[in-house]
Amino acid sequence: MKAVIQLHRGEVMVDLSRPISLSLPVDFSGGGPRHFGAPAAASQPFVAPGFSGAVTAGASCNCATITLTPHCNGTHTECVGHLTREPLDAHGVIPPGLLPTLLLSIEPVEASMTREGTEPAPRSGDRLITSQAIERGWLLNGEVEFRASEAFEPRALIIRSVAQTSELAPYLTREAAALLVERGIEHLVVDLPSIDRAQDEGRLTAHRIFFGLPSGSHRLAEATRPRSTITELAHIPEGLADGWYLLELQAPALAGDAVPSRPLLYSLQTS
C-alpha cells in the first residue's frame, strides 16, 4: 500500500507494505546477544498440576515463561528512566506513527586520532563515533533532495557503525551526542550495545547529554528531553543505502525503562 504523506513543507510517497526490519530476533536457544555479563534470554514451558506447558510433553497447547534482559539480549528502545530514580516506561515515550529519519554510515576513529572525548577520558584502543564524522555524513547524505527543499526535517537518526575490527564496541563522544541534540534529533537508533563505553565508571555521558539529564542527577524532573528515546543493538542491513527514510518504532506495552523493540524503516520518494 502506497501513501502520500505531508512532511513540513512538502510531500513524500511511501510504500507501507514493504517495511525493512531493523531488529535482532531474540533467540531463546542461547545463541542470541549477551552483553554486560547478562545471562542469555531463556524460554521454559509453564508447568502446573496436570499441565506440562509443551505439546511435545503431552500438553494440549504450548505455554512458555520467558526470561530476558531488554538492555542486553537484543534490539531494545530505552528512555531517560534508564537513569532516574522515578520510573518511566519506554513504551509510553515511544511516539506513534512515522518519524522523518536520516540513516548514516559512520566509521569510528581511534581515540588518539581526535580531540573529541567523553567522561572518563577514552582509553587507548577505544574507537569513537565523533561529531565530525556525523557532520560529514550529514553533509553528504542530508543536504540533497528532501533537505534542499526544506520538506524533510529529521526527528530520528540511525547510525550504522562500519569497519568494526575490534572486540571493543565503539561509542559516541560527548561532542557527537551534543550535535544530535543541536540538530533536533529526538530518537536515536544505533547498532551498538550502548552509546557509551561499557565500563565508564557509571558516567553514561552520551546518554545524559542526549536525554538532557545533568551529570550526577537521577531526578526525572531535571531531564530536559524526557520524550527522547535511544534504540540500541539494532540490525542495520549492509545493503541499505544511506539517506532519508521514515521510521516506525514498534514495541510491546511492557513496563520498564527499556523494552524489546522492532524498528521498521520505510523507503520513500518525492511525490
Protein backbone atom coordinates (compact mmCIF):
# COMPACT_ATOMS: atom_id res chain seq x y z
CA MET A 1 0.00 0.00 0.00
CA LYS A 2 1.42 3.34 -1.05
CA ALA A 3 0.55 6.60 0.62
CA VAL A 4 1.36 10.28 0.18
CA ILE A 5 2.49 11.86 3.44
CA GLN A 6 2.75 15.56 4.19
CA LEU A 7 6.04 16.47 5.85
CA HIS A 8 6.72 20.05 6.87
CA ARG A 9 6.71 21.92 3.52
CA GLY A 10 6.47 19.06 1.06
CA GLU A 11 5.10 15.63 0.31
CA VAL A 12 6.71 12.21 0.04
CA MET A 13 5.46 8.88 -1.28
CA VAL A 14 5.97 5.84 0.94
CA ASP A 15 5.19 2.17 0.37
CA LEU A 16 3.78 0.97 3.70
CA SER A 17 3.59 -2.65 2.53
CA ARG A 18 7.36 -3.13 2.38
CA PRO A 19 8.93 -2.22 5.74
CA ILE A 20 12.55 -3.05 6.50
CA SER A 21 13.03 -4.54 9.94
CA LEU A 22 16.00 -3.27 11.98
CA SER A 23 15.58 -5.69 14.87
CA LEU A 24 17.61 -8.67 16.00
CA PRO A 25 15.38 -11.65 16.80
CA VAL A 26 15.57 -12.74 20.43
CA ASP A 27 16.90 -16.31 20.32
CA PHE A 28 15.79 -18.38 23.30
CA SER A 29 18.06 -21.29 22.37
CA GLY A 30 21.05 -19.50 23.90
CA GLY A 31 22.57 -18.15 20.71
CA GLY A 32 21.36 -14.55 20.91
CA PRO A 33 23.20 -11.42 22.03
CA ARG A 34 24.57 -11.25 25.56
CA HIS A 35 26.11 -8.02 26.77
CA PHE A 36 27.39 -6.62 30.06
CA GLY A 37 27.56 -10.08 31.61
CA ALA A 38 23.82 -10.71 31.39
CA PRO A 39 22.52 -14.26 31.03
CA ALA A 40 21.13 -15.43 27.72
CA ALA A 41 17.42 -14.99 27.08
CA ALA A 42 15.59 -18.18 28.04
CA SER A 43 12.22 -19.83 27.48
CA GLN A 44 10.80 -22.65 29.61
CA PRO A 45 7.42 -24.40 29.48
CA PHE A 46 5.00 -23.19 32.14
CA VAL A 47 4.28 -26.25 34.28
CA ALA A 48 1.21 -26.58 36.51
CA PRO A 49 -0.58 -29.58 38.06
CA GLY A 50 -1.89 -31.65 35.16
CA PHE A 51 -0.31 -29.35 32.57
CA SER A 52 3.19 -29.74 31.12
CA GLY A 53 3.29 -26.49 29.12
CA ALA A 54 4.54 -28.17 25.93
CA VAL A 55 2.70 -30.10 23.24
CA THR A 56 5.76 -32.32 22.87
CA ALA A 57 5.31 -33.30 26.52
CA GLY A 58 1.62 -34.11 26.10
CA ALA A 59 0.05 -30.73 26.81
CA SER A 60 -2.93 -29.53 24.77
CA CYS A 61 -1.02 -26.37 23.85
CA ASN A 62 2.29 -24.63 24.30
CA CYS A 63 2.67 -22.07 27.09
CA ALA A 64 6.10 -20.67 27.87
CA THR A 65 7.65 -18.46 30.52
CA ILE A 66 10.34 -16.26 29.04
CA THR A 67 13.23 -14.53 30.80
CA LEU A 68 15.28 -11.77 29.20
CA THR A 69 17.18 -8.60 29.98
CA PRO A 70 15.99 -5.99 27.45
CA HIS A 71 19.15 -3.88 27.71
CA CYS A 72 21.37 -6.87 26.92
CA ASN A 73 19.52 -9.53 24.92
CA GLY A 74 18.53 -7.89 21.67
CA THR A 75 17.22 -4.79 19.96
CA HIS A 76 15.65 -2.54 22.57
CA THR A 77 14.40 1.01 22.99
CA GLU A 78 15.11 2.88 26.20
CA CYS A 79 14.12 6.19 27.76
CA VAL A 80 15.55 8.53 30.36
CA GLY A 81 14.04 6.27 33.04
CA HIS A 82 17.20 4.22 32.49
CA LEU A 83 18.95 6.85 34.62
CA THR A 84 16.35 8.17 37.03
CA ARG A 85 15.00 7.18 40.44
CA GLU A 86 11.45 7.82 39.30
CA PRO A 87 10.16 5.11 36.94
CA LEU A 88 9.37 5.93 33.34
CA ASP A 89 8.10 3.35 30.87
CA ALA A 90 9.79 3.37 27.48
CA HIS A 91 6.67 2.15 25.67
CA GLY A 92 4.85 5.27 26.85
CA VAL A 93 7.57 7.52 25.45
CA ILE A 94 7.91 5.86 22.04
CA PRO A 95 5.93 8.04 19.62
CA PRO A 96 3.22 6.53 17.44
CA GLY A 97 3.34 6.86 13.69
CA LEU A 98 6.17 7.58 11.26
CA LEU A 99 9.27 9.64 12.01
CA PRO A 100 11.30 11.51 9.37
CA THR A 101 14.68 9.81 9.62
CA LEU A 102 18.21 10.01 8.28
CA LEU A 103 20.43 6.91 8.04
CA LEU A 104 24.20 7.46 8.14
CA SER A 105 27.09 5.00 7.96
CA ILE A 106 29.81 6.24 10.31
CA GLU A 107 33.35 4.90 10.55
CA PRO A 108 34.63 5.08 14.13
CA VAL A 109 38.08 6.57 14.66
CA GLU A 110 40.80 5.70 17.12
CA ALA A 111 40.60 7.84 20.23
CA SER A 112 44.15 9.07 19.60
CA MET A 113 43.07 10.49 16.21
CA THR A 114 40.55 13.02 17.53
CA ARG A 115 40.35 15.76 20.12
CA GLU A 116 36.79 14.75 20.95
CA GLY A 117 36.26 12.73 24.11
CA THR A 118 33.97 11.83 26.96
CA GLU A 119 34.00 11.25 30.72
CA PRO A 120 36.01 9.39 31.80
CA ALA A 121 38.60 10.01 29.12
CA PRO A 122 38.75 7.36 26.36
CA ARG A 123 41.33 4.64 26.79
CA SER A 124 43.99 3.59 24.34
CA GLY A 125 42.42 1.46 21.62
CA ASP A 126 38.93 2.87 22.07
CA ARG A 127 37.10 3.74 18.87
CA LEU A 128 34.82 6.73 18.81
CA ILE A 129 31.88 7.95 16.77
CA THR A 130 32.60 11.65 16.51
CA SER A 131 30.57 14.75 15.77
CA GLN A 132 32.94 15.46 12.90
CA ALA A 133 32.11 12.12 11.25
CA ILE A 134 28.38 12.65 11.77
CA GLU A 135 28.56 16.16 10.30
CA ARG A 136 30.46 14.82 7.30
CA GLY A 137 27.89 12.09 6.72
CA TRP A 138 25.04 14.52 7.19
CA LEU A 139 26.53 16.85 4.60
CA LEU A 140 26.98 14.07 2.05
CA ASN A 141 23.56 12.47 2.54
CA GLY A 142 21.33 15.04 4.13
CA GLU A 143 21.75 18.19 2.09
CA VAL A 144 20.15 16.79 -1.03
CA GLU A 145 16.66 16.47 -2.45
CA PHE A 146 14.38 16.48 0.61
CA ARG A 147 16.56 18.67 2.79
CA ALA A 148 17.28 21.09 -0.04
CA SER A 149 13.56 21.77 -0.45
CA GLU A 150 13.11 22.07 3.34
CA ALA A 151 10.44 19.39 3.06
CA PHE A 152 12.12 16.98 5.42
CA GLU A 153 13.18 17.79 8.96
CA PRO A 154 14.53 14.60 10.60
CA ARG A 155 13.36 13.70 14.10
CA ALA A 156 15.31 10.46 14.17
CA LEU A 157 18.83 9.42 13.22
CA ILE A 158 20.09 5.90 12.51
CA ILE A 159 23.83 5.36 12.90
CA ARG A 160 25.38 2.29 11.28
CA SER A 161 28.94 1.79 12.54
CA VAL A 162 31.35 0.41 9.95
CA ALA A 163 34.78 -1.23 9.96
CA GLN A 164 34.29 -2.92 13.32
CA THR A 165 37.56 -4.83 13.66
CA SER A 166 37.93 -4.72 17.44
CA GLU A 167 36.27 -6.66 20.23
CA LEU A 168 35.57 -3.34 21.93
CA ALA A 169 32.40 -1.72 20.60
CA PRO A 170 32.72 1.92 19.54
CA TYR A 171 30.73 4.59 21.34
CA LEU A 172 29.71 8.23 20.95
CA THR A 173 31.82 11.17 22.04
CA ARG A 174 30.42 13.94 24.19
CA GLU A 175 30.51 16.22 21.15
CA ALA A 176 28.63 13.70 18.99
CA ALA A 177 25.77 13.45 21.48
CA ALA A 178 25.64 17.25 21.78
CA LEU A 179 25.46 17.58 18.00
CA LEU A 180 22.42 15.31 17.84
CA VAL A 181 20.66 17.46 20.42
CA GLU A 182 21.63 20.59 18.48
CA ARG A 183 20.25 19.10 15.25
CA GLY A 184 16.92 18.33 16.91
CA ILE A 185 17.24 14.54 16.86
CA GLU A 186 14.75 13.11 19.35
CA HIS A 187 15.12 9.41 18.57
CA LEU A 188 18.45 7.69 18.02
CA VAL A 189 18.93 4.18 16.62
CA VAL A 190 22.36 2.50 16.70
CA ASP A 191 23.76 -0.97 16.05
CA LEU A 192 25.88 -0.71 19.22
CA PRO A 193 25.24 -2.35 22.61
CA SER A 194 25.44 1.14 24.14
CA ILE A 195 26.14 4.69 23.01
CA ASP A 196 28.58 4.90 25.95
CA ARG A 197 31.63 2.85 26.83
CA ALA A 198 30.73 -0.43 28.53
CA GLN A 199 32.98 0.37 31.51
CA ASP A 200 32.71 4.12 32.10
CA GLU A 201 32.51 4.40 35.91
CA GLY A 202 28.75 4.87 35.64
CA ARG A 203 29.04 8.26 33.93
CA LEU A 204 26.87 7.47 30.85
CA THR A 205 27.92 10.80 29.39
CA ALA A 206 26.33 10.41 25.95
CA HIS A 207 23.09 9.12 27.45
CA ARG A 208 22.89 12.10 29.80
CA ILE A 209 23.57 14.63 27.07
CA PHE A 210 21.01 13.08 24.73
CA PHE A 211 18.31 12.90 27.42
CA GLY A 212 19.23 16.33 28.79
CA LEU A 213 19.95 14.95 32.26
CA PRO A 214 22.66 16.86 34.17
CA SER A 215 25.75 15.00 35.30
CA GLY A 216 25.16 13.24 38.61
CA SER A 217 21.39 13.82 38.59
CA HIS A 218 18.91 10.98 38.91
CA ARG A 219 15.79 13.14 39.02
CA LEU A 220 13.32 12.74 36.17
CA ALA A 221 12.14 16.33 36.61
CA GLU A 222 15.63 17.59 35.73
CA ALA A 223 15.71 15.88 32.33
CA THR A 224 15.12 18.44 29.58
CA ARG A 225 14.46 15.82 26.87
CA PRO A 226 12.25 13.24 28.65
CA ARG A 227 10.39 12.28 25.46
CA SER A 228 13.54 11.18 23.62
CA THR A 229 14.48 7.53 23.04
CA ILE A 230 17.61 5.54 22.25
CA THR A 231 17.36 2.23 20.41
CA GLU A 232 20.45 0.02 20.74
CA LEU A 233 21.55 -3.29 19.25
CA ALA A 234 19.62 -2.64 16.05
CA HIS A 235 20.38 -4.71 12.97
CA ILE A 236 21.02 -2.38 10.03
CA PRO A 237 21.45 -4.35 6.77
CA GLU A 238 24.68 -3.61 4.91
CA GLY A 239 22.85 -3.18 1.61
CA LEU A 240 20.61 -0.45 2.98
CA ALA A 241 21.66 2.85 1.42
CA ASP A 242 22.37 5.93 3.49
CA GLY A 243 19.79 8.67 3.15
CA TRP A 244 16.22 9.56 4.01
CA TYR A 245 13.54 7.20 5.32
CA LEU A 246 10.51 7.05 7.57
CA LEU A 247 10.91 5.17 10.84
CA GLU A 248 8.31 3.42 12.96
CA LEU A 249 9.33 2.31 16.44
CA GLN A 250 7.24 -0.70 17.44
CA ALA A 251 7.30 -2.03 21.00
CA PRO A 252 5.06 -4.06 23.31
CA ALA A 253 3.30 -2.36 26.21
CA LEU A 254 5.69 -3.76 28.82
CA ALA A 255 6.58 -1.61 31.81
CA GLY A 256 10.22 -0.67 32.23
CA ASP A 257 12.83 1.86 31.19
CA ALA A 258 13.79 -0.38 28.26
CA VAL A 259 11.64 -2.67 26.17
CA PRO A 260 12.37 -5.09 23.31
CA SER A 261 11.55 -3.24 20.11
CA ARG A 262 11.11 -3.67 16.37
CA PRO A 263 12.15 -0.58 14.42
CA LEU A 264 10.68 -0.60 10.93
CA LEU A 265 12.11 1.50 8.14
CA TYR A 266 10.21 2.66 5.04
CA SER A 267 11.82 3.85 1.83
CA LEU A 268 10.37 6.99 0.31
CA GLN A 269 10.42 9.17 -2.75
CA THR A 270 9.13 12.60 -3.64
CA SER A 271 5.60 12.51 -5.00
